[in-house]
N, C-alpha and C. Protein backbone atom coordinates (compact mmCIF):
# COMPACT_ATOMS: atom_id res chain seq x y z
N MET A 1 89.26 307.28 15.31
CA MET A 1 90.10 306.14 15.61
C MET A 1 90.97 306.41 16.84
N ASN A 2 91.46 307.62 16.95
CA ASN A 2 92.30 307.99 18.09
C ASN A 2 91.50 307.94 19.39
N LEU A 3 90.24 308.37 19.33
CA LEU A 3 89.40 308.34 20.53
C LEU A 3 89.11 306.90 20.96
N ALA A 4 88.87 306.03 20.00
CA ALA A 4 88.60 304.62 20.33
C ALA A 4 89.82 303.97 20.96
N LEU A 5 91.00 304.24 20.42
CA LEU A 5 92.22 303.67 21.00
C LEU A 5 92.49 304.22 22.40
N THR A 6 92.18 305.47 22.62
CA THR A 6 92.36 306.06 23.94
C THR A 6 91.43 305.42 24.96
N ILE A 7 90.19 305.16 24.56
CA ILE A 7 89.24 304.52 25.46
C ILE A 7 89.67 303.09 25.76
N ILE A 8 90.13 302.36 24.75
CA ILE A 8 90.63 301.00 24.96
C ILE A 8 91.85 301.02 25.88
N PHE A 9 92.73 302.00 25.69
CA PHE A 9 93.91 302.16 26.52
C PHE A 9 93.53 302.37 27.99
N LEU A 10 92.54 303.20 28.23
CA LEU A 10 92.10 303.46 29.60
C LEU A 10 91.47 302.23 30.23
N VAL A 11 90.67 301.50 29.46
CA VAL A 11 90.03 300.29 29.98
C VAL A 11 91.08 299.24 30.32
N ILE A 12 92.07 299.07 29.44
CA ILE A 12 93.14 298.11 29.70
C ILE A 12 93.91 298.49 30.96
N SER A 13 94.18 299.78 31.14
CA SER A 13 94.95 300.19 32.32
C SER A 13 94.19 299.94 33.61
N VAL A 14 92.88 300.17 33.61
CA VAL A 14 92.09 299.93 34.83
C VAL A 14 92.00 298.44 35.11
N VAL A 15 91.74 297.63 34.08
CA VAL A 15 91.63 296.19 34.27
C VAL A 15 92.97 295.61 34.73
N MET A 16 94.06 296.11 34.17
CA MET A 16 95.37 295.61 34.57
C MET A 16 95.67 295.97 36.03
N ALA A 17 95.28 297.14 36.46
CA ALA A 17 95.49 297.52 37.86
C ALA A 17 94.71 296.62 38.80
N VAL A 18 93.48 296.30 38.43
CA VAL A 18 92.66 295.42 39.26
C VAL A 18 93.26 294.02 39.31
N LEU A 19 93.73 293.52 38.17
CA LEU A 19 94.32 292.19 38.14
C LEU A 19 95.60 292.11 38.97
N VAL A 20 96.40 293.15 38.94
CA VAL A 20 97.63 293.15 39.75
C VAL A 20 97.28 293.14 41.24
N LEU A 21 96.26 293.87 41.62
CA LEU A 21 95.86 293.89 43.02
C LEU A 21 95.25 292.56 43.47
N MET A 22 94.68 291.80 42.54
CA MET A 22 94.08 290.51 42.88
C MET A 22 95.12 289.42 43.08
N GLN A 23 96.34 289.60 42.58
CA GLN A 23 97.37 288.58 42.68
C GLN A 23 97.96 288.52 44.07
N GLU A 24 98.40 287.32 44.43
CA GLU A 24 99.03 287.13 45.74
C GLU A 24 100.48 287.56 45.66
N GLY A 25 101.03 287.90 46.81
CA GLY A 25 102.43 288.27 46.87
C GLY A 25 103.32 287.05 46.71
N LYS A 26 104.58 287.27 46.37
CA LYS A 26 105.51 286.17 46.20
C LYS A 26 105.92 285.54 47.52
N ASN A 27 105.99 286.33 48.57
CA ASN A 27 106.34 285.78 49.87
C ASN A 27 105.10 285.81 50.76
N ASN A 28 104.90 284.73 51.48
CA ASN A 28 103.74 284.63 52.34
C ASN A 28 104.11 284.86 53.81
N GLY A 29 105.17 285.56 54.04
CA GLY A 29 105.56 285.88 55.40
C GLY A 29 106.37 284.78 56.04
N LEU A 30 106.40 284.78 57.36
CA LEU A 30 107.21 283.84 58.12
C LEU A 30 106.65 282.43 58.07
N SER A 31 105.36 282.27 57.87
CA SER A 31 104.77 280.93 57.88
C SER A 31 105.28 280.06 56.75
N SER A 32 105.64 280.65 55.61
CA SER A 32 106.14 279.84 54.50
C SER A 32 107.54 279.31 54.77
N SER A 33 108.33 280.03 55.56
CA SER A 33 109.69 279.57 55.84
C SER A 33 109.72 278.55 56.97
N ILE A 34 108.70 278.50 57.80
CA ILE A 34 108.66 277.55 58.91
C ILE A 34 108.22 276.17 58.44
N GLY A 35 107.41 276.09 57.41
CA GLY A 35 106.99 274.78 56.95
C GLY A 35 105.62 274.79 56.31
N GLY A 36 105.03 275.93 56.16
CA GLY A 36 103.71 276.01 55.57
C GLY A 36 103.73 276.16 54.06
N SER A 37 104.87 275.92 53.44
CA SER A 37 104.96 276.15 52.00
C SER A 37 104.43 274.99 51.17
N GLU A 38 104.34 273.80 51.73
CA GLU A 38 103.84 272.64 50.98
C GLU A 38 102.33 272.53 51.15
N THR A 39 101.61 273.29 50.37
CA THR A 39 100.16 273.24 50.41
C THR A 39 99.65 272.79 49.05
N TYR A 40 98.37 272.56 48.97
CA TYR A 40 97.76 272.17 47.71
C TYR A 40 97.96 273.24 46.65
N TRP A 41 97.82 274.50 47.03
CA TRP A 41 97.93 275.59 46.06
C TRP A 41 99.35 275.79 45.58
N SER A 42 100.33 275.54 46.42
CA SER A 42 101.71 275.70 45.96
C SER A 42 102.12 274.56 45.04
N LYS A 43 101.55 273.38 45.23
CA LYS A 43 101.86 272.25 44.36
C LYS A 43 101.19 272.38 43.00
N ASN A 44 100.00 272.94 42.96
CA ASN A 44 99.22 273.04 41.72
C ASN A 44 99.12 274.48 41.23
N LYS A 45 100.16 275.25 41.42
CA LYS A 45 100.12 276.66 41.07
C LYS A 45 99.98 276.89 39.57
N GLY A 46 100.48 276.00 38.75
CA GLY A 46 100.38 276.15 37.31
C GLY A 46 98.97 276.02 36.79
N ARG A 47 98.09 275.37 37.54
CA ARG A 47 96.72 275.16 37.10
C ARG A 47 95.73 275.96 37.92
N SER A 48 96.20 276.86 38.72
CA SER A 48 95.31 277.60 39.59
C SER A 48 94.87 278.91 38.96
N LYS A 49 94.01 279.62 39.66
CA LYS A 49 93.56 280.91 39.15
C LYS A 49 94.70 281.93 39.15
N GLU A 50 95.70 281.70 39.97
CA GLU A 50 96.85 282.60 40.01
C GLU A 50 97.60 282.60 38.68
N SER A 51 97.75 281.42 38.08
CA SER A 51 98.44 281.36 36.80
C SER A 51 97.62 282.02 35.70
N VAL A 52 96.31 281.92 35.78
CA VAL A 52 95.45 282.60 34.81
C VAL A 52 95.58 284.11 34.97
N LEU A 53 95.62 284.59 36.21
CA LEU A 53 95.77 286.02 36.45
C LEU A 53 97.11 286.53 35.92
N VAL A 54 98.17 285.75 36.10
CA VAL A 54 99.49 286.16 35.61
C VAL A 54 99.50 286.21 34.09
N THR A 55 98.89 285.22 33.45
CA THR A 55 98.85 285.19 31.99
C THR A 55 98.05 286.35 31.42
N VAL A 56 96.88 286.62 31.99
CA VAL A 56 96.05 287.72 31.51
C VAL A 56 96.74 289.05 31.76
N THR A 57 97.40 289.20 32.89
CA THR A 57 98.13 290.43 33.18
C THR A 57 99.27 290.65 32.19
N THR A 58 99.96 289.58 31.82
CA THR A 58 101.05 289.69 30.85
C THR A 58 100.53 290.13 29.48
N VAL A 59 99.44 289.53 29.04
CA VAL A 59 98.85 289.91 27.75
C VAL A 59 98.39 291.36 27.77
N LEU A 60 97.74 291.76 28.85
CA LEU A 60 97.28 293.15 28.95
C LEU A 60 98.45 294.13 29.03
N ALA A 61 99.53 293.74 29.66
CA ALA A 61 100.71 294.61 29.73
C ALA A 61 101.32 294.83 28.35
N VAL A 62 101.37 293.77 27.54
CA VAL A 62 101.89 293.92 26.18
C VAL A 62 100.98 294.84 25.37
N LEU A 63 99.67 294.63 25.48
CA LEU A 63 98.73 295.52 24.77
C LEU A 63 98.85 296.96 25.25
N PHE A 64 99.05 297.14 26.55
CA PHE A 64 99.21 298.47 27.13
C PHE A 64 100.40 299.19 26.51
N PHE A 65 101.53 298.51 26.43
CA PHE A 65 102.73 299.16 25.88
C PHE A 65 102.62 299.41 24.39
N VAL A 66 101.99 298.50 23.67
CA VAL A 66 101.80 298.71 22.23
C VAL A 66 100.89 299.90 21.99
N LEU A 67 99.79 299.96 22.72
CA LEU A 67 98.89 301.11 22.57
C LEU A 67 99.54 302.41 23.01
N ALA A 68 100.36 302.35 24.05
CA ALA A 68 101.06 303.56 24.49
C ALA A 68 102.00 304.06 23.40
N LEU A 69 102.70 303.14 22.73
CA LEU A 69 103.57 303.54 21.63
C LEU A 69 102.78 304.10 20.46
N VAL A 70 101.70 303.45 20.11
CA VAL A 70 100.88 303.91 18.99
C VAL A 70 100.30 305.28 19.27
N LEU A 71 99.76 305.47 20.47
CA LEU A 71 99.18 306.77 20.81
C LEU A 71 100.26 307.84 20.99
N GLY A 72 101.39 307.46 21.53
CA GLY A 72 102.46 308.43 21.76
C GLY A 72 103.13 308.91 20.49
N LEU A 73 103.31 307.99 19.55
CA LEU A 73 103.97 308.35 18.29
C LEU A 73 103.00 308.98 17.29
N GLY A 74 101.73 308.85 17.56
CA GLY A 74 100.73 309.44 16.66
C GLY A 74 100.63 308.70 15.34
N ILE A 75 100.80 307.40 15.37
CA ILE A 75 100.75 306.60 14.15
C ILE A 75 99.34 306.60 13.56
N VAL A 76 98.35 306.60 14.41
CA VAL A 76 96.96 306.55 13.93
C VAL A 76 96.42 307.93 13.68
């Protein structure tokens, strides 16, 4: 059981790292302050792939911390 949780922990950590790298930065440089901030993607950000990436990253982060606690405390 401990080996299976460790493997799941490693897979979650790799997937979470990839998802974080796939996300866009919060600031888009000087172009967003000049007037390029009103785009289709900024208006529909809640329904875009960015919001899905943020949601999946949040779920994986919670699983990561729970598994880290379980493996660290030796509950299993």
